[in-house]
């Protein structure tokens, strides 16, 4: 996917695309917003010495499913809903530069196309964001 190739990651971040990404026609800006926000969060909030991001895709009859995993600090289960609310951050704003809009934008784009987005995480074990993109929206 062009969106992944265009993202500039710090040299300390290792990104692994585990399988071939599907070829799909979709609204480029929307798909790019989702990937860009999820990927940038995966390294921006990662505090380990060797940050790693894994990208996976799977095709089903009705959806393309993508997941982005990191080996960062993880997210408390109580915060799963909060992270998708606009202007919400899990850190103090003066302690970390974040607008709190990235995940809210990703969720809005995915909700608008009738896809799904969710997060699985454990503190100290990273996070995985999974989203679906309906094939009916892939033009």
N, C-alpha and C. Protein backbone atom coordinates (compact mmCIF):
# COMPACT_ATOMS: atom_id res chain seq x y z
N UNK A 1 0.84 -1.18 0.00
CA UNK A 1 0.00 0.00 0.00
C UNK A 1 0.88 1.24 0.00
N UNK A 2 0.52 2.16 -0.81
CA UNK A 2 1.29 3.39 -0.93
C UNK A 2 1.34 4.16 0.39
N UNK A 3 0.25 4.12 1.17
CA UNK A 3 0.20 4.86 2.43
C UNK A 3 1.30 4.41 3.38
N UNK A 4 1.56 3.12 3.42
CA UNK A 4 2.60 2.59 4.30
C UNK A 4 3.96 3.02 3.80
N UNK A 5 4.18 2.96 2.51
CA UNK A 5 5.48 3.34 1.94
C UNK A 5 5.79 4.81 2.15
N UNK A 6 4.76 5.67 2.17
CA UNK A 6 4.97 7.10 2.28
C UNK A 6 5.19 7.58 3.72
N UNK A 7 4.86 6.78 4.70
CA UNK A 7 5.01 7.17 6.08
C UNK A 7 6.49 7.17 6.46
N UNK A 8 6.95 8.27 7.02
CA UNK A 8 8.35 8.38 7.43
C UNK A 8 8.44 8.00 8.91
N UNK A 9 9.14 6.91 9.17
CA UNK A 9 9.32 6.44 10.54
C UNK A 9 10.72 6.80 11.02
N UNK A 10 10.87 7.05 12.32
CA UNK A 10 12.22 7.26 12.85
C UNK A 10 13.06 6.01 12.59
N UNK A 11 14.36 6.17 12.43
CA UNK A 11 15.21 5.02 12.09
C UNK A 11 15.23 3.93 13.16
N UNK A 12 14.83 4.25 14.38
CA UNK A 12 14.83 3.25 15.46
C UNK A 12 13.61 2.34 15.41
N UNK A 13 12.62 2.69 14.61
CA UNK A 13 11.38 1.91 14.54
C UNK A 13 11.48 0.86 13.44
N UNK A 14 11.18 -0.36 13.80
CA UNK A 14 11.17 -1.46 12.83
C UNK A 14 9.72 -1.76 12.47
N UNK A 15 9.39 -1.68 11.18
CA UNK A 15 8.04 -2.00 10.74
C UNK A 15 8.07 -3.27 9.90
N UNK A 16 7.19 -4.19 10.24
CA UNK A 16 7.11 -5.47 9.55
C UNK A 16 5.72 -5.59 8.94
N UNK A 17 5.65 -5.71 7.63
CA UNK A 17 4.39 -5.96 6.95
C UNK A 17 4.37 -7.47 6.73
N UNK A 18 3.53 -8.16 7.51
CA UNK A 18 3.60 -9.62 7.59
C UNK A 18 3.09 -10.36 6.37
N UNK A 19 2.21 -9.76 5.62
CA UNK A 19 1.72 -10.43 4.42
C UNK A 19 1.38 -9.37 3.37
N UNK A 20 1.16 -9.82 2.17
CA UNK A 20 0.87 -8.88 1.08
C UNK A 20 -0.41 -8.11 1.37
N UNK A 21 -0.34 -6.82 1.16
CA UNK A 21 -1.53 -5.99 1.32
C UNK A 21 -2.41 -6.17 0.09
N UNK A 22 -3.72 -6.12 0.29
CA UNK A 22 -4.62 -6.30 -0.86
C UNK A 22 -4.55 -5.11 -1.81
N UNK A 23 -4.83 -5.38 -3.05
CA UNK A 23 -4.99 -4.31 -4.03
C UNK A 23 -6.46 -3.96 -4.01
N UNK A 24 -6.75 -2.72 -3.67
CA UNK A 24 -8.15 -2.31 -3.57
C UNK A 24 -8.29 -0.88 -4.04
N UNK A 25 -9.43 -0.59 -4.60
CA UNK A 25 -9.75 0.78 -4.98
C UNK A 25 -10.65 1.33 -3.89
N UNK A 26 -10.22 2.45 -3.32
CA UNK A 26 -10.99 3.07 -2.24
C UNK A 26 -10.68 4.55 -2.24
N UNK A 27 -11.40 5.28 -1.44
CA UNK A 27 -11.14 6.70 -1.28
C UNK A 27 -9.76 6.85 -0.64
N UNK A 28 -8.77 7.23 -1.42
CA UNK A 28 -7.37 7.24 -0.97
C UNK A 28 -7.19 8.07 0.29
N UNK A 29 -7.74 9.26 0.33
CA UNK A 29 -7.55 10.14 1.49
C UNK A 29 -8.06 9.48 2.76
N UNK A 30 -9.21 8.84 2.69
CA UNK A 30 -9.78 8.22 3.89
C UNK A 30 -8.94 7.04 4.37
N UNK A 31 -8.56 6.19 3.45
CA UNK A 31 -7.74 5.05 3.81
C UNK A 31 -6.37 5.51 4.33
N UNK A 32 -5.84 6.53 3.71
CA UNK A 32 -4.55 7.08 4.14
C UNK A 32 -4.66 7.68 5.54
N UNK A 33 -5.74 8.38 5.84
CA UNK A 33 -5.93 8.95 7.17
C UNK A 33 -5.93 7.86 8.25
N UNK A 34 -6.64 6.78 7.98
CA UNK A 34 -6.74 5.70 8.96
C UNK A 34 -5.36 5.08 9.19
N UNK A 35 -4.69 4.68 8.11
CA UNK A 35 -3.37 4.07 8.27
C UNK A 35 -2.38 5.03 8.90
N UNK A 36 -2.35 6.25 8.44
CA UNK A 36 -1.40 7.23 8.95
C UNK A 36 -1.58 7.46 10.45
N UNK A 37 -2.83 7.62 10.88
CA UNK A 37 -3.08 7.86 12.30
C UNK A 37 -2.74 6.64 13.16
N UNK A 38 -3.10 5.46 12.71
CA UNK A 38 -2.81 4.26 13.49
C UNK A 38 -1.31 3.96 13.54
N UNK A 39 -0.64 4.09 12.41
CA UNK A 39 0.80 3.83 12.38
C UNK A 39 1.58 4.87 13.18
N UNK A 40 1.22 6.14 13.04
CA UNK A 40 1.96 7.17 13.78
C UNK A 40 1.75 7.02 15.28
N UNK A 41 0.53 6.65 15.71
CA UNK A 41 0.31 6.39 17.14
C UNK A 41 1.15 5.23 17.62
N UNK A 42 1.31 4.20 16.78
CA UNK A 42 2.04 3.01 17.18
C UNK A 42 3.50 3.32 17.52
N UNK A 43 4.11 4.29 16.84
CA UNK A 43 5.49 4.62 17.20
C UNK A 43 5.60 5.86 18.08
N UNK A 44 4.66 6.77 17.95
CA UNK A 44 4.71 8.01 18.73
C UNK A 44 4.58 7.75 20.23
N UNK A 45 3.78 6.77 20.58
CA UNK A 45 3.54 6.48 22.00
C UNK A 45 4.37 5.30 22.50
N UNK A 46 5.28 4.83 21.69
CA UNK A 46 6.08 3.66 22.06
C UNK A 46 7.33 4.13 22.81
N UNK A 47 7.54 3.58 23.98
CA UNK A 47 8.66 4.01 24.84
C UNK A 47 9.74 2.95 24.99
N UNK A 48 9.62 1.81 24.30
CA UNK A 48 10.64 0.78 24.42
C UNK A 48 11.86 1.15 23.58
N UNK A 49 13.01 0.56 23.88
CA UNK A 49 14.24 0.94 23.19
C UNK A 49 14.27 0.47 21.73
N UNK A 50 13.56 -0.60 21.40
CA UNK A 50 13.50 -1.10 20.02
C UNK A 50 12.04 -1.20 19.57
N UNK A 51 11.44 -0.06 19.22
CA UNK A 51 10.02 -0.08 18.82
C UNK A 51 9.80 -0.93 17.57
N UNK A 52 8.69 -1.67 17.59
CA UNK A 52 8.36 -2.54 16.48
C UNK A 52 6.87 -2.42 16.18
N UNK A 53 6.56 -2.33 14.90
CA UNK A 53 5.17 -2.25 14.44
C UNK A 53 4.96 -3.40 13.46
N UNK A 54 3.85 -4.11 13.64
CA UNK A 54 3.49 -5.19 12.71
C UNK A 54 2.16 -4.85 12.04
N UNK A 55 2.14 -5.01 10.73
CA UNK A 55 0.93 -4.74 9.95
C UNK A 55 0.51 -6.04 9.29
N UNK A 56 -0.78 -6.37 9.44
CA UNK A 56 -1.32 -7.59 8.85
C UNK A 56 -2.60 -7.24 8.09
N UNK A 57 -2.91 -8.07 7.11
CA UNK A 57 -4.19 -7.91 6.41
C UNK A 57 -4.80 -9.28 6.17
N UNK A 58 -6.10 -9.27 6.05
CA UNK A 58 -6.84 -10.50 5.77
C UNK A 58 -8.05 -10.10 4.94
N UNK A 59 -8.39 -10.94 4.00
CA UNK A 59 -9.55 -10.67 3.16
C UNK A 59 -10.64 -11.68 3.47
N UNK A 60 -11.84 -11.19 3.71
CA UNK A 60 -12.99 -12.06 3.90
C UNK A 60 -13.95 -11.80 2.74
N UNK A 61 -15.08 -12.46 2.77
CA UNK A 61 -16.04 -12.29 1.68
C UNK A 61 -16.53 -10.85 1.56
N UNK A 62 -16.75 -10.19 2.70
CA UNK A 62 -17.34 -8.85 2.67
C UNK A 62 -16.40 -7.72 3.08
N UNK A 63 -15.26 -8.07 3.70
CA UNK A 63 -14.38 -7.04 4.25
C UNK A 63 -12.92 -7.29 3.94
N UNK A 64 -12.17 -6.21 3.98
CA UNK A 64 -10.73 -6.27 4.14
C UNK A 64 -10.51 -5.99 5.62
N UNK A 65 -9.67 -6.77 6.26
CA UNK A 65 -9.40 -6.56 7.68
C UNK A 65 -7.90 -6.27 7.83
N UNK A 66 -7.59 -5.22 8.56
CA UNK A 66 -6.21 -4.82 8.79
C UNK A 66 -5.95 -4.74 10.29
N UNK A 67 -4.75 -5.10 10.70
CA UNK A 67 -4.38 -4.91 12.10
C UNK A 67 -2.98 -4.31 12.17
N UNK A 68 -2.83 -3.43 13.13
CA UNK A 68 -1.55 -2.76 13.38
C UNK A 68 -1.23 -2.99 14.85
N UNK A 69 -0.11 -3.67 15.09
CA UNK A 69 0.30 -4.02 16.45
C UNK A 69 1.61 -3.34 16.78
N UNK A 70 1.80 -3.02 18.04
CA UNK A 70 3.07 -2.46 18.49
C UNK A 70 3.53 -3.17 19.75
N UNK A 71 4.76 -2.96 20.11
CA UNK A 71 5.33 -3.55 21.32
C UNK A 71 5.52 -2.49 22.40
N UNK A 72 4.67 -1.48 22.38
CA UNK A 72 4.78 -0.36 23.32
C UNK A 72 4.21 -0.66 24.70
N UNK A 73 3.90 0.39 25.44
CA UNK A 73 3.47 0.24 26.84
C UNK A 73 2.07 -0.32 27.03
N UNK A 74 1.28 -0.35 25.98
CA UNK A 74 -0.08 -0.87 26.10
C UNK A 74 -1.05 0.18 26.61
N UNK A 75 -2.31 -0.20 26.67
CA UNK A 75 -3.39 0.71 27.06
C UNK A 75 -4.26 -0.02 28.07
N UNK A 76 -4.61 0.67 29.14
CA UNK A 76 -5.50 0.08 30.14
C UNK A 76 -6.88 -0.16 29.54
N UNK A 77 -7.49 -1.29 29.87
CA UNK A 77 -8.79 -1.66 29.32
C UNK A 77 -9.84 -0.57 29.58
N UNK A 78 -9.76 0.09 30.72
CA UNK A 78 -10.73 1.15 31.07
C UNK A 78 -10.66 2.33 30.10
N UNK A 79 -9.58 2.44 29.34
CA UNK A 79 -9.39 3.57 28.43
C UNK A 79 -9.76 3.26 26.99
N UNK A 80 -10.16 2.02 26.70
CA UNK A 80 -10.41 1.62 25.31
C UNK A 80 -11.42 2.53 24.61
N UNK A 81 -12.50 2.88 25.25
CA UNK A 81 -13.51 3.76 24.62
C UNK A 81 -13.02 5.21 24.57
N UNK A 82 -12.36 5.63 25.61
CA UNK A 82 -11.89 7.02 25.72
C UNK A 82 -10.94 7.41 24.59
N UNK A 83 -10.09 6.48 24.16
CA UNK A 83 -9.07 6.84 23.17
C UNK A 83 -9.65 7.22 21.82
N UNK A 84 -10.90 6.84 21.54
CA UNK A 84 -11.53 7.17 20.26
C UNK A 84 -12.33 8.47 20.31
N UNK A 85 -12.34 9.13 21.47
CA UNK A 85 -13.07 10.39 21.63
C UNK A 85 -12.15 11.55 21.28
N UNK A 86 -12.65 12.47 20.48
CA UNK A 86 -11.84 13.59 20.02
C UNK A 86 -11.31 14.42 21.19
N UNK A 87 -10.08 14.84 21.06
CA UNK A 87 -9.33 15.65 22.03
C UNK A 87 -9.00 14.92 23.32
N UNK A 88 -9.19 13.61 23.36
CA UNK A 88 -8.83 12.83 24.54
C UNK A 88 -7.43 12.26 24.35
N UNK A 89 -6.61 12.42 25.36
CA UNK A 89 -5.30 11.80 25.36
C UNK A 89 -5.13 11.07 26.69
N UNK A 90 -4.25 10.10 26.71
CA UNK A 90 -4.03 9.35 27.94
C UNK A 90 -2.90 9.93 28.77
N UNK A 91 -2.19 10.91 28.20
CA UNK A 91 -1.10 11.57 28.91
C UNK A 91 -1.43 13.05 29.03
N UNK A 92 -0.81 13.69 29.99
CA UNK A 92 -0.99 15.14 30.15
C UNK A 92 -0.50 15.84 28.89
N UNK A 93 -1.23 16.85 28.43
CA UNK A 93 -0.87 17.53 27.19
C UNK A 93 0.49 18.22 27.26
N UNK A 94 0.86 18.72 28.43
CA UNK A 94 2.16 19.37 28.52
C UNK A 94 3.30 18.36 28.66
N UNK A 95 2.99 17.10 28.93
CA UNK A 95 4.01 16.06 29.04
C UNK A 95 4.28 15.39 27.70
N UNK A 96 3.31 15.50 26.77
CA UNK A 96 3.46 14.82 25.49
C UNK A 96 2.69 15.60 24.44
N UNK A 97 3.33 15.83 23.30
CA UNK A 97 2.67 16.59 22.24
C UNK A 97 1.69 15.70 21.50
N UNK A 98 0.40 15.94 21.73
CA UNK A 98 -0.65 15.16 21.08
C UNK A 98 -1.92 16.00 21.05
N UNK A 99 -2.62 15.95 19.93
CA UNK A 99 -3.86 16.72 19.81
C UNK A 99 -5.07 15.92 20.26
N UNK A 100 -4.94 14.60 20.28
CA UNK A 100 -6.07 13.77 20.66
C UNK A 100 -7.11 13.64 19.57
N UNK A 101 -6.71 13.83 18.30
CA UNK A 101 -7.68 13.71 17.21
C UNK A 101 -7.42 12.52 16.28
N UNK A 102 -6.24 11.94 16.29
CA UNK A 102 -5.89 10.88 15.35
C UNK A 102 -6.80 9.69 15.38
N UNK A 103 -7.01 9.11 16.55
CA UNK A 103 -7.87 7.93 16.65
C UNK A 103 -9.34 8.30 16.43
N UNK A 104 -9.73 9.50 16.82
CA UNK A 104 -11.11 9.95 16.59
C UNK A 104 -11.38 10.08 15.09
N UNK A 105 -10.40 10.59 14.35
CA UNK A 105 -10.56 10.70 12.90
C UNK A 105 -10.64 9.31 12.27
N UNK A 106 -9.75 8.42 12.69
CA UNK A 106 -9.77 7.05 12.15
C UNK A 106 -11.12 6.41 12.41
N UNK A 107 -11.64 6.54 13.62
CA UNK A 107 -12.93 5.95 13.97
C UNK A 107 -14.06 6.56 13.14
N UNK A 108 -14.04 7.86 12.96
CA UNK A 108 -15.08 8.55 12.18
C UNK A 108 -15.08 8.06 10.73
N UNK A 109 -13.91 7.97 10.12
CA UNK A 109 -13.81 7.49 8.75
C UNK A 109 -14.36 6.07 8.65
N UNK A 110 -13.95 5.22 9.58
CA UNK A 110 -14.38 3.82 9.55
C UNK A 110 -15.87 3.68 9.85
N UNK A 111 -16.38 4.46 10.79
CA UNK A 111 -17.82 4.45 11.07
C UNK A 111 -18.62 4.89 9.85
N UNK A 112 -18.12 5.92 9.15
CA UNK A 112 -18.83 6.45 7.98
C UNK A 112 -18.97 5.42 6.86
N UNK A 113 -18.01 4.52 6.74
CA UNK A 113 -18.10 3.51 5.68
C UNK A 113 -18.71 2.20 6.20
N UNK A 114 -19.18 2.22 7.44
CA UNK A 114 -19.81 1.06 8.08
C UNK A 114 -18.82 -0.09 8.33
N UNK A 115 -17.58 0.30 8.61
CA UNK A 115 -16.57 -0.67 9.03
C UNK A 115 -16.53 -0.71 10.55
N UNK A 116 -15.56 -1.43 11.08
CA UNK A 116 -15.40 -1.51 12.54
C UNK A 116 -13.95 -1.23 12.89
N UNK A 117 -13.74 -0.76 14.12
CA UNK A 117 -12.39 -0.58 14.64
C UNK A 117 -12.43 -0.95 16.12
N UNK A 118 -11.39 -1.67 16.54
CA UNK A 118 -11.30 -2.01 17.96
C UNK A 118 -9.84 -2.11 18.36
N UNK A 119 -9.64 -2.17 19.66
CA UNK A 119 -8.29 -2.27 20.20
C UNK A 119 -8.24 -3.42 21.19
N UNK A 120 -7.13 -4.12 21.19
CA UNK A 120 -6.83 -5.13 22.20
C UNK A 120 -5.47 -4.77 22.76
N UNK A 121 -5.36 -4.79 24.08
CA UNK A 121 -4.11 -4.39 24.68
C UNK A 121 -4.02 -4.88 26.12
N UNK A 122 -2.80 -5.04 26.56
CA UNK A 122 -2.50 -5.30 27.96
C UNK A 122 -1.36 -4.38 28.33
N UNK A 123 -1.42 -3.81 29.53
CA UNK A 123 -0.33 -2.94 29.96
C UNK A 123 0.99 -3.70 29.90
N UNK A 124 1.98 -3.05 29.33
CA UNK A 124 3.30 -3.64 29.21
C UNK A 124 3.46 -4.61 28.06
N UNK A 125 2.39 -4.84 27.29
CA UNK A 125 2.46 -5.83 26.20
C UNK A 125 2.02 -5.28 24.85
N UNK A 126 2.01 -3.98 24.70
CA UNK A 126 1.67 -3.39 23.42
C UNK A 126 0.17 -3.33 23.16
N UNK A 127 -0.16 -2.92 21.96
CA UNK A 127 -1.57 -2.77 21.56
C UNK A 127 -1.73 -3.22 20.12
N UNK A 128 -2.93 -3.69 19.81
CA UNK A 128 -3.28 -4.05 18.45
C UNK A 128 -4.60 -3.37 18.09
N UNK A 129 -4.56 -2.58 17.05
CA UNK A 129 -5.77 -1.95 16.51
C UNK A 129 -6.16 -2.73 15.26
N UNK A 130 -7.40 -3.15 15.21
CA UNK A 130 -7.91 -3.90 14.06
C UNK A 130 -9.09 -3.12 13.48
N UNK A 131 -9.07 -2.96 12.16
CA UNK A 131 -10.22 -2.32 11.53
C UNK A 131 -10.61 -3.06 10.27
N UNK A 132 -11.89 -2.94 9.94
CA UNK A 132 -12.40 -3.55 8.71
C UNK A 132 -12.80 -2.47 7.74
N UNK A 133 -12.65 -2.79 6.48
CA UNK A 133 -13.03 -1.88 5.38
C UNK A 133 -13.95 -2.69 4.48
N UNK A 134 -15.24 -2.36 4.47
CA UNK A 134 -16.17 -3.13 3.63
C UNK A 134 -15.79 -3.10 2.15
N UNK A 135 -15.87 -4.24 1.52
CA UNK A 135 -15.56 -4.31 0.09
C UNK A 135 -16.52 -3.47 -0.72
N UNK A 136 -17.73 -3.28 -0.22
CA UNK A 136 -18.70 -2.45 -0.93
C UNK A 136 -18.24 -1.00 -0.98
N UNK A 137 -17.35 -0.60 -0.07
CA UNK A 137 -16.81 0.77 -0.07
C UNK A 137 -15.54 0.87 -0.90
N UNK A 138 -14.92 -0.25 -1.19
CA UNK A 138 -13.74 -0.25 -2.05
C UNK A 138 -14.24 -0.13 -3.47
N UNK A 139 -14.01 1.02 -4.07
CA UNK A 139 -14.60 1.34 -5.36
C UNK A 139 -13.84 0.76 -6.51
